[in-house]
Amino acid sequence: MNDSPALIAHLKRIAATGSPLQGDARPVDAWLRHGMASAQLHEIFATQDDAASAAGFAVASSLAGHAAPVLWLRTEGSERQGGRLHANGLNEMGLDVGSLVLAVVDDEASLLRAAADAARCKGLGTLLIESWGRAAGIDLTATRRLMLAAEASGVTILNLRIGAAPVPSAAATRWQVASCRSRTLEADAPGRPTFDIELLRRRGGQAGLRWRVEWDRDAYIFDQIAADGQSPGTEIDDSPPVSGAGISVAVDRASADDAPSPLRRTG
């Protein structure tokens, strides 16, 4: 994004007044069914062990919001640590890989430049920015620029942070995602992708809440489920999340080299 005098002045006004950028004030039930607010920046955090679940959650959130096409930006370092995307798994989530463009760039600086350009593209539905580790360049200034670009273009930006600690940012919402064991279906069929999610921060709304949700790929919605003996729709207690893989689809080192990938790739 060009550093025009108007943009710089606008950023200075935000910093001086502390005025919050527009957030997602809808009830959580609306988000579960209709996706995160468009024209906004949202952060998704996870440990490295839960990287696949966080990626799956990001994909599902995009689908819930019917925010296609999707541009997925990641660095070569992210690809080495997380493995190549598994097209068959993405299909299982309900994503038409024909609507996904994957761009792998050299480093964090290239990632931020590409993200700044893509965030202004009105033809995009979702911009997914994946980074691993501290990623010091994704700071308050960078996220403010991304938020301003999202508000202007209407693009939903999902900032996927793996193995990173939250830092001050301009994001409308901040989520922590962990994997959960899926509920077995009839005839011992594999269950639906399940996530333990916590809303860490939300502009204009309550935060500090947790839910356990399943992804319904046929209806493109998240369903809340009971956890630890509680009724559906209630806040999860603070007991450790159920062990087990949440999804097996977003990042798959073992099968990535063997499975054919129709993903369009650039970089």
Foldseek 3Di string as FASTA:
>chain_A
DDPDPVVVVVVVVCVVPVDADDADQDPVQCCQQAAGAWLFEEEEEEELVFQQVSLLVVLLRLLSNVQWLEEEEEEPVCCVSQPDWDQVLSVVLQDDLVGYEYEYHHDLVVLLVVLLVVLQDLVGREYEYEDEEASVVQAAVSQVSSSVSSNNRRHYYYYYYYNHDDDDYSGQWYKYKGAAQADQDPPRHGHFQKIWMATQDHPPDDGGFIFIWGADSVSSGIFTCDDPPGHGPDTDDDDDHHDDGRGDGTHHNVCPVPDDDPRHYHD
